N, C-alpha and C. Protein backbone atom coordinates (compact mmCIF):
# COMPACT_ATOMS: atom_id res chain seq x y z
N UNK A 1 -12.44 11.38 2.66
CA UNK A 1 -10.81 11.59 3.20
C UNK A 1 -10.10 12.86 2.30
N UNK A 2 -9.85 12.99 2.58
CA UNK A 2 -8.97 14.77 1.70
C UNK A 2 -7.55 14.39 2.21
N UNK A 3 -6.59 14.75 0.72
CA UNK A 3 -4.72 14.84 0.90
C UNK A 3 -4.40 14.80 2.13
N UNK A 4 -4.44 15.88 3.25
CA UNK A 4 -4.35 16.91 4.42
C UNK A 4 -4.24 15.43 5.32
N UNK A 5 -5.25 14.87 5.26
CA UNK A 5 -5.70 13.89 6.26
C UNK A 5 -5.16 12.72 6.11
N UNK A 6 -4.57 12.52 5.28
CA UNK A 6 -3.73 11.04 5.27
C UNK A 6 -2.41 10.97 6.06
N UNK A 7 -1.80 10.48 6.51
CA UNK A 7 -1.17 10.11 7.07
C UNK A 7 0.12 9.55 7.61
N UNK A 8 0.96 9.36 6.25
CA UNK A 8 2.04 8.03 5.51
C UNK A 8 2.31 6.79 6.39
N UNK A 9 2.99 8.13 7.53
CA UNK A 9 3.51 7.19 8.37
C UNK A 9 2.92 6.04 9.71
N UNK A 10 1.59 5.86 8.93
CA UNK A 10 -0.03 5.02 10.13
C UNK A 10 0.62 4.24 9.00
N UNK A 11 1.12 4.00 7.77
CA UNK A 11 0.98 3.04 7.03
C UNK A 11 2.70 1.94 6.63
N UNK A 12 2.48 0.87 7.60
CA UNK A 12 3.98 -0.02 7.77
C UNK A 12 4.32 -0.37 6.44
N UNK A 13 3.28 -0.79 5.48
CA UNK A 13 3.29 -1.39 4.49
C UNK A 13 4.12 -0.86 2.76
N UNK A 14 4.91 -1.16 2.62
CA UNK A 14 4.96 -0.03 1.08
C UNK A 14 5.67 -0.82 -0.16
N UNK A 15 4.71 -0.92 -1.06
CA UNK A 15 5.51 -1.73 -2.25
C UNK A 15 5.95 -0.59 -3.37
N UNK A 16 6.62 -0.74 -4.20
CA UNK A 16 6.74 0.04 -5.14
C UNK A 16 5.81 -0.34 -6.58
N UNK A 17 6.16 0.75 -7.08
CA UNK A 17 4.76 0.02 -8.53
C UNK A 17 5.60 0.46 -9.65
N UNK A 18 5.52 -0.19 -10.52
CA UNK A 18 6.48 0.26 -12.27
C UNK A 18 5.02 0.25 -12.87
N UNK A 19 5.19 1.49 -13.31
CA UNK A 19 4.57 1.98 -14.59
C UNK A 19 4.65 1.38 -15.84
N UNK A 20 3.99 1.05 -16.52
CA UNK A 20 3.81 0.12 -17.58
C UNK A 20 3.71 1.44 -19.18
N UNK A 21 4.38 2.01 -19.59
CA UNK A 21 3.65 2.42 -20.57
C UNK A 21 2.47 2.15 -20.98
N UNK A 22 1.76 0.71 -21.59
CA UNK A 22 0.36 0.37 -21.96
C UNK A 22 -0.44 0.39 -20.06
N UNK A 23 -0.42 1.50 -19.31
CA UNK A 23 -0.85 1.89 -18.37
C UNK A 23 -1.46 3.67 -19.03
N UNK A 24 -0.74 4.46 -19.97
CA UNK A 24 -1.71 5.35 -19.47
C UNK A 24 -2.08 5.91 -20.83
N UNK A 25 -3.30 6.57 -20.64
CA UNK A 25 -4.05 6.62 -21.78
C UNK A 25 -3.89 7.51 -22.73
N UNK A 26 -5.43 8.13 -22.98
CA UNK A 26 -5.26 9.00 -24.56
C UNK A 26 -4.43 10.42 -23.74
N UNK A 27 -4.61 10.78 -22.32
CA UNK A 27 -4.92 11.62 -21.88
C UNK A 27 -3.64 11.95 -21.42
N UNK A 28 -2.89 11.30 -21.69
CA UNK A 28 -1.06 11.18 -20.82
C UNK A 28 -1.23 10.77 -19.61
N UNK A 29 -1.93 9.82 -18.81
CA UNK A 29 -1.40 9.84 -17.19
C UNK A 29 -2.26 8.51 -17.77
N UNK A 30 -1.62 8.34 -15.88
CA UNK A 30 -2.39 6.18 -15.71
C UNK A 30 -4.06 6.34 -16.10
N UNK A 31 -4.20 5.41 -16.41
CA UNK A 31 -5.73 5.62 -16.81
C UNK A 31 -6.11 5.17 -15.13
N UNK A 32 -7.67 5.54 -14.18
CA UNK A 32 -7.89 5.30 -13.71
C UNK A 32 -8.41 4.13 -13.06
N UNK A 33 -8.48 3.16 -14.51
CA UNK A 33 -8.53 2.09 -13.84
C UNK A 33 -7.85 0.98 -13.21
N UNK A 34 -6.33 1.71 -13.63
CA UNK A 34 -5.34 0.85 -13.37
C UNK A 34 -4.46 1.37 -12.12
N UNK A 35 -5.21 2.82 -11.71
CA UNK A 35 -5.00 2.83 -9.93
C UNK A 35 -5.61 1.34 -9.03
N UNK A 36 -6.88 1.17 -9.73
CA UNK A 36 -6.86 -0.18 -8.78
C UNK A 36 -6.09 -1.48 -8.80
N UNK A 37 -5.29 -1.34 -10.02
CA UNK A 37 -4.52 -3.07 -10.44
C UNK A 37 -3.16 -2.82 -9.58
N UNK A 38 -3.06 -1.29 -9.31
CA UNK A 38 -1.64 -1.26 -8.55
C UNK A 38 -1.66 -1.41 -6.80
N UNK A 39 -3.35 -1.28 -6.53
CA UNK A 39 -3.74 -1.31 -4.55
C UNK A 39 -3.84 -2.96 -5.14
N UNK A 40 -4.17 -3.60 -5.77
CA UNK A 40 -4.29 -4.67 -6.06
C UNK A 40 -2.76 -5.22 -5.13
N UNK A 41 -2.01 -5.01 -6.87
CA UNK A 41 -0.78 -5.73 -6.24
C UNK A 41 -0.20 -5.87 -5.15
N UNK A 42 -0.78 -4.58 -4.21
CA UNK A 42 0.33 -4.07 -3.11
C UNK A 42 -0.89 -4.74 -1.93
N UNK A 43 -2.04 -5.13 -2.04
CA UNK A 43 -2.46 -5.88 -1.11
C UNK A 43 -2.16 -7.53 -1.27
N UNK A 44 -2.09 -7.80 -2.85
CA UNK A 44 -1.37 -9.40 -2.14
C UNK A 44 -0.42 -9.55 -2.10
N UNK A 45 1.08 -8.50 -2.12
CA UNK A 45 1.77 -8.79 -1.19
C UNK A 45 2.20 -8.80 0.08
N UNK A 46 1.35 -7.41 0.18
CA UNK A 46 1.33 -7.29 2.41
C UNK A 46 0.49 -8.96 2.74
N UNK A 47 -0.27 -9.49 2.03
CA UNK A 47 -0.61 -11.03 2.74
C UNK A 47 0.11 -12.07 2.11
N UNK A 48 0.66 -12.30 0.58
CA UNK A 48 2.16 -12.46 0.84
C UNK A 48 2.83 -12.66 1.79
N UNK A 49 3.03 -11.28 2.50
CA UNK A 49 4.53 -10.97 3.42
C UNK A 49 4.33 -11.34 4.89
N UNK A 50 1.87 -11.64 4.94
CA UNK A 50 2.41 -11.69 6.27
C UNK A 50 1.77 -13.12 6.66
N UNK A 51 1.85 -13.64 5.48
CA UNK A 51 1.33 -15.56 5.13
C UNK A 51 1.75 -15.84 4.48
N UNK A 52 2.69 -15.92 4.04
CA UNK A 52 4.05 -16.86 3.25
C UNK A 52 3.81 -18.23 3.05
N UNK A 53 3.11 -19.27 3.54
CA UNK A 53 2.68 -20.06 3.73
C UNK A 53 1.14 -20.50 3.53
N UNK A 54 0.21 -19.63 3.42
CA UNK A 54 -1.31 -19.97 3.37
C UNK A 54 -1.13 -20.28 1.92
N UNK A 55 -2.04 -21.25 1.79
CA UNK A 55 -2.48 -21.63 0.09
C UNK A 55 -3.94 -20.42 0.18
N UNK A 56 -3.92 -19.80 -0.52
CA UNK A 56 -4.73 -19.10 -1.38
C UNK A 56 -5.88 -19.20 -1.96
N UNK A 57 -5.32 -20.35 -2.76
CA UNK A 57 -6.79 -21.23 -3.79
C UNK A 57 -7.25 -21.47 -2.71
N UNK A 58 -6.75 -22.24 -1.05
CA UNK A 58 -8.14 -22.42 -0.90
C UNK A 58 -8.71 -21.57 0.64
N UNK A 59 -7.95 -21.02 1.36
CA UNK A 59 -8.87 -20.08 2.77
C UNK A 59 -8.40 -18.63 1.49
N UNK A 60 -9.00 -18.03 0.71
CA UNK A 60 -8.16 -16.40 0.14
C UNK A 60 -9.51 -15.43 0.90
N UNK A 61 -9.27 -14.45 -0.44
CA UNK A 61 -10.33 -13.58 -0.02
C UNK A 61 -10.78 -13.43 -1.29
N UNK A 62 -12.23 -13.27 -0.76
CA UNK A 62 -13.08 -11.99 -2.39
C UNK A 62 -12.87 -10.39 -1.97
N UNK A 63 -12.92 -9.81 -3.21
CA UNK A 63 -13.15 -8.34 -2.54
C UNK A 63 -14.82 -8.18 -2.33
N UNK A 64 -15.36 -7.53 -1.81
CA UNK A 64 -16.93 -7.50 -1.31
C UNK A 64 -17.32 -5.93 -1.58
N UNK A 65 -16.25 -5.06 -1.47
CA UNK A 65 -16.52 -3.31 -1.64
C UNK A 65 -14.93 -2.71 -2.37
N UNK A 66 -14.98 -1.94 -2.17
CA UNK A 66 -13.43 -0.69 -2.76
C UNK A 66 -14.53 0.76 -3.38
N UNK A 67 -13.73 1.40 -2.64
CA UNK A 67 -14.26 2.90 -3.28
C UNK A 67 -12.50 3.71 -3.10
N UNK A 68 -12.78 4.49 -3.99
CA UNK A 68 -11.38 5.46 -4.60
C UNK A 68 -11.55 6.49 -4.43
N UNK A 69 -10.81 7.36 -3.96
CA UNK A 69 -10.53 9.13 -4.20
C UNK A 69 -9.69 9.39 -4.59
N UNK A 70 -10.03 9.85 -6.43
CA UNK A 70 -8.36 10.24 -6.65
C UNK A 70 -8.44 11.94 -6.34
N UNK A 71 -7.20 12.29 -6.82
CA UNK A 71 -6.52 13.62 -6.06
C UNK A 71 -5.63 14.27 -7.19
N UNK A 72 -4.12 13.23 -7.49
CA UNK A 72 -3.73 13.90 -8.85
C UNK A 72 -3.62 12.59 -9.49
N UNK A 73 -2.69 13.22 -10.85
CA UNK A 73 -2.73 12.18 -12.00
C UNK A 73 -1.43 11.30 -11.32
N UNK A 74 -1.50 10.06 -12.01
CA UNK A 74 -0.02 9.58 -12.52
C UNK A 74 0.62 9.62 -13.06
N UNK A 75 1.21 10.04 -13.70
CA UNK A 75 2.55 10.33 -15.13
C UNK A 75 3.33 9.02 -15.02
N UNK A 76 3.80 8.27 -16.75
CA UNK A 76 4.80 6.83 -16.42
C UNK A 76 5.68 7.62 -16.02
N UNK A 77 6.84 8.54 -15.85
CA UNK A 77 8.00 8.82 -15.27
C UNK A 77 7.92 8.64 -14.07
N UNK A 78 6.82 9.01 -13.38
CA UNK A 78 6.66 8.92 -11.91
C UNK A 78 6.96 7.84 -10.78
N UNK A 79 7.87 8.23 -9.89
CA UNK A 79 8.04 6.99 -8.99
C UNK A 79 6.74 7.42 -7.99
N UNK A 80 6.70 6.22 -8.27
CA UNK A 80 4.92 5.72 -7.34
C UNK A 80 5.01 4.60 -6.29
N UNK A 81 5.18 5.01 -4.82
CA UNK A 81 4.64 3.60 -4.24
C UNK A 81 2.79 3.34 -4.06
N UNK A 82 2.47 2.59 -3.94
CA UNK A 82 1.66 1.69 -2.89
C UNK A 82 1.43 1.87 -1.29
N UNK A 83 1.12 2.17 -0.03
CA UNK A 83 1.02 2.66 0.97
C UNK A 83 0.03 1.05 1.67
N UNK A 84 -0.16 0.20 2.45
CA UNK A 84 -0.92 -0.08 2.82
C UNK A 84 -1.05 -0.66 4.15
N UNK A 85 -2.36 -0.79 4.46
CA UNK A 85 -2.37 -1.43 5.95
C UNK A 85 -3.86 -2.12 6.28
N UNK A 86 -4.13 -2.56 7.21
CA UNK A 86 -5.43 -3.58 7.56
C UNK A 86 -5.63 -2.50 8.59
N UNK A 87 -6.73 -2.12 8.49
CA UNK A 87 -7.54 -0.75 9.48
C UNK A 87 -8.34 -0.96 10.53
N UNK A 88 -9.25 -2.35 10.11
CA UNK A 88 -10.55 -3.46 11.02
C UNK A 88 -10.34 -4.60 10.44
N UNK A 89 -9.93 -5.27 11.91
CA UNK A 89 -10.57 -7.28 11.21
C UNK A 89 -12.51 -6.98 11.94
N UNK A 90 -13.24 -7.48 10.83
CA UNK A 90 -14.02 -8.58 11.84
C UNK A 90 -14.17 -9.87 12.14
N UNK A 91 -15.22 -10.27 11.87
CA UNK A 91 -15.62 -12.03 11.87
C UNK A 91 -15.22 -12.88 10.99
N UNK A 92 -15.83 -11.87 9.47
CA UNK A 92 -15.17 -12.61 8.24
C UNK A 92 -15.01 -11.61 7.19
N UNK A 93 -14.50 -9.88 7.52
CA UNK A 93 -13.37 -9.76 6.54
C UNK A 93 -12.94 -8.83 7.17
N UNK A 94 -12.32 -7.69 6.53
CA UNK A 94 -11.04 -6.84 7.28
C UNK A 94 -11.32 -5.81 5.67
N UNK A 95 -10.16 -4.68 6.55
CA UNK A 95 -10.53 -3.50 5.24
C UNK A 95 -9.23 -3.15 5.10
N UNK A 96 -9.00 -3.11 3.94
CA UNK A 96 -7.69 -2.50 3.82
C UNK A 96 -7.48 -1.50 3.60
N UNK A 97 -6.61 -0.56 3.92
CA UNK A 97 -6.67 1.17 3.37
C UNK A 97 -5.10 1.34 2.54
N UNK A 98 -5.51 1.61 0.80
CA UNK A 98 -4.28 1.68 0.68
C UNK A 98 -4.09 2.95 0.02
N UNK A 99 -2.77 4.08 -0.44
CA UNK A 99 -2.92 4.96 -0.67
C UNK A 99 -1.51 4.65 -1.77
N UNK A 100 -1.64 5.82 -3.14
CA UNK A 100 -0.57 5.73 -3.82
C UNK A 100 -0.06 7.25 -3.37
N UNK A 101 1.39 7.08 -3.61
CA UNK A 101 2.22 8.28 -3.67
C UNK A 101 3.49 8.75 -4.31
N UNK A 102 3.79 9.55 -4.88
CA UNK A 102 4.94 9.54 -5.18
C UNK A 102 6.42 9.53 -4.46
N UNK A 103 7.47 9.59 -5.04
CA UNK A 103 8.59 9.31 -3.63
C UNK A 103 8.68 10.90 -2.56
N UNK A 104 7.94 11.92 -3.52
CA UNK A 104 7.86 13.18 -2.57
C UNK A 104 7.16 13.82 -1.74
N UNK A 105 5.62 12.16 -1.72
CA UNK A 105 4.50 11.72 -0.79
C UNK A 105 3.55 12.64 -1.03
N UNK A 106 3.92 13.02 -2.40
CA UNK A 106 2.32 13.98 -2.92
C UNK A 106 1.29 12.79 -2.82
N UNK A 107 0.71 12.96 -2.61
CA UNK A 107 -0.63 11.54 -2.27
C UNK A 107 -1.48 11.60 -3.62
N UNK A 108 -1.94 10.96 -4.46
CA UNK A 108 -2.22 10.74 -5.60
C UNK A 108 -3.95 10.08 -5.33
N UNK A 109 -3.73 9.41 -4.53
CA UNK A 109 -5.50 8.58 -3.99
C UNK A 109 -5.36 8.10 -3.33
N UNK A 110 -6.50 8.08 -2.34
CA UNK A 110 -7.14 6.97 -1.21
C UNK A 110 -7.93 5.45 -1.61
N UNK A 111 -7.93 5.11 -1.18
CA UNK A 111 -8.58 3.92 -1.25
C UNK A 111 -9.08 2.43 -0.22
N UNK A 112 -9.90 2.21 0.26
CA UNK A 112 -10.51 1.48 0.85
C UNK A 112 -11.13 0.41 0.50
N UNK A 113 -11.46 -0.90 0.41
CA UNK A 113 -11.19 -2.25 0.05
C UNK A 113 -12.29 -3.19 1.30
N UNK A 114 -12.87 -4.07 1.04
CA UNK A 114 -13.79 -4.84 2.55
C UNK A 114 -12.90 -5.89 1.58
N UNK A 115 -12.36 -6.41 1.91
CA UNK A 115 -11.98 -8.28 1.94
C UNK A 115 -12.64 -9.30 2.58
N UNK A 116 -13.72 -9.78 2.08
CA UNK A 116 -14.35 -11.56 2.64
C UNK A 116 -13.64 -12.95 2.73
N UNK A 117 -12.92 -13.21 4.07
CA UNK A 117 -12.58 -14.08 3.86
C UNK A 117 -13.33 -15.61 3.00
N UNK A 118 -12.99 -15.80 2.46
CA UNK A 118 -13.17 -17.18 1.69
C UNK A 118 -12.41 -19.02 1.58
N UNK A 119 -13.70 -19.77 1.73
CA UNK A 119 -13.50 -20.45 1.38
C UNK A 119 -13.63 -21.19 0.02
N UNK A 120 -12.42 -21.49 -0.94
CA UNK A 120 -12.84 -21.71 -2.29
C UNK A 120 -12.84 -23.21 -2.30
N UNK A 121 -13.39 -23.76 -1.86
CA UNK A 121 -13.59 -25.83 -1.92
C UNK A 121 -14.29 -25.81 -1.52
N UNK A 122 -15.14 -25.13 -0.47
CA UNK A 122 -16.63 -24.83 -0.31
C UNK A 122 -17.60 -23.88 -0.63
N UNK A 123 -16.87 -22.94 -1.39
CA UNK A 123 -17.08 -22.35 -2.17
C UNK A 123 -18.60 -21.43 -1.25
N UNK A 124 -17.89 -21.17 -0.12
CA UNK A 124 -18.63 -20.59 0.83
C UNK A 124 -17.34 -19.59 1.75
N UNK A 125 -18.40 -18.45 3.10
CA UNK A 125 -17.11 -17.33 3.32
C UNK A 125 -16.88 -17.95 4.99
N UNK A 126 -15.99 -17.65 5.30
CA UNK A 126 -15.90 -18.71 6.76
C UNK A 126 -14.76 -16.40 6.99
N UNK A 127 -15.02 -17.24 8.24
CA UNK A 127 -14.49 -16.39 10.22
C UNK A 127 -12.66 -16.40 9.24
N UNK A 128 -12.53 -14.89 10.08
CA UNK A 128 -11.44 -14.82 9.32
C UNK A 128 -10.46 -15.19 9.89
N UNK A 129 -9.24 -16.31 9.27
CA UNK A 129 -8.69 -17.55 10.78
C UNK A 129 -8.00 -17.11 11.41
N UNK A 130 -7.74 -17.85 12.34
CA UNK A 130 -7.05 -16.89 14.09
C UNK A 130 -5.87 -16.67 13.28
N UNK A 131 -4.88 -17.26 12.99
CA UNK A 131 -3.54 -17.10 12.78
C UNK A 131 -3.37 -16.16 11.84
N UNK A 132 -4.23 -15.90 10.90
CA UNK A 132 -4.45 -14.19 10.10
C UNK A 132 -4.62 -13.39 11.91
N UNK A 133 -5.29 -13.39 12.16
CA UNK A 133 -6.29 -12.28 13.05
C UNK A 133 -4.71 -12.35 13.29
N UNK A 134 -4.42 -13.15 14.50
CA UNK A 134 -3.41 -12.82 15.14
C UNK A 134 -1.58 -12.29 14.10
N UNK A 135 -1.26 -12.06 12.64
CA UNK A 135 -0.80 -12.08 11.78
C UNK A 135 -0.84 -10.69 12.07
N UNK A 136 -2.10 -10.11 12.19
CA UNK A 136 -2.73 -9.05 11.54
C UNK A 136 -2.54 -7.86 12.25
N UNK A 137 -3.12 -8.85 13.52
CA UNK A 137 -3.13 -7.78 14.70
C UNK A 137 -1.57 -7.57 15.36
N UNK A 138 -0.70 -8.18 15.40
CA UNK A 138 0.82 -7.90 15.60
C UNK A 138 1.79 -7.41 14.84
N UNK A 139 0.89 -7.32 13.69
CA UNK A 139 1.36 -6.29 12.04
C UNK A 139 1.65 -4.73 12.37
N UNK A 140 -0.29 -4.99 12.60
CA UNK A 140 -0.35 -3.41 12.07
C UNK A 140 -0.90 -2.92 13.96
N UNK A 141 -0.31 -3.48 15.03
CA UNK A 141 -0.26 -3.28 16.39
C UNK A 141 -1.16 -2.48 16.81
N UNK A 142 -2.64 -3.14 16.53
CA UNK A 142 -4.33 -2.33 16.84
C UNK A 142 -4.53 -3.72 17.64
């Protein structure tokens, strides 16, 4: 996906990101691996907001795939937000899309992650719980 194809208005969830000094690498910008930590934090915030009473230690998620396109560096004093949405829901998984962008809407990266529903007690995948599906579909309006 190209930055000009990304419409931030389609994302209903936004997490402010705190850039820490330790996130900065030898080139003076946020290390590329840290981008994924920012995205993970926003995914966790999103799920905890939609499902505040869920026990994610029992019925939780595992990541099956992540892909990321980097467009611009992030620097220590940038004000960054992670825009998050679920773009599709399947039987046992759903797809998150994330964008890291500055406060002036400069797109830093686009990521897509497939999350699989998982029961940690049984150590096995499960179908997307119906109440999860209902909350996601209502929030995302699709």
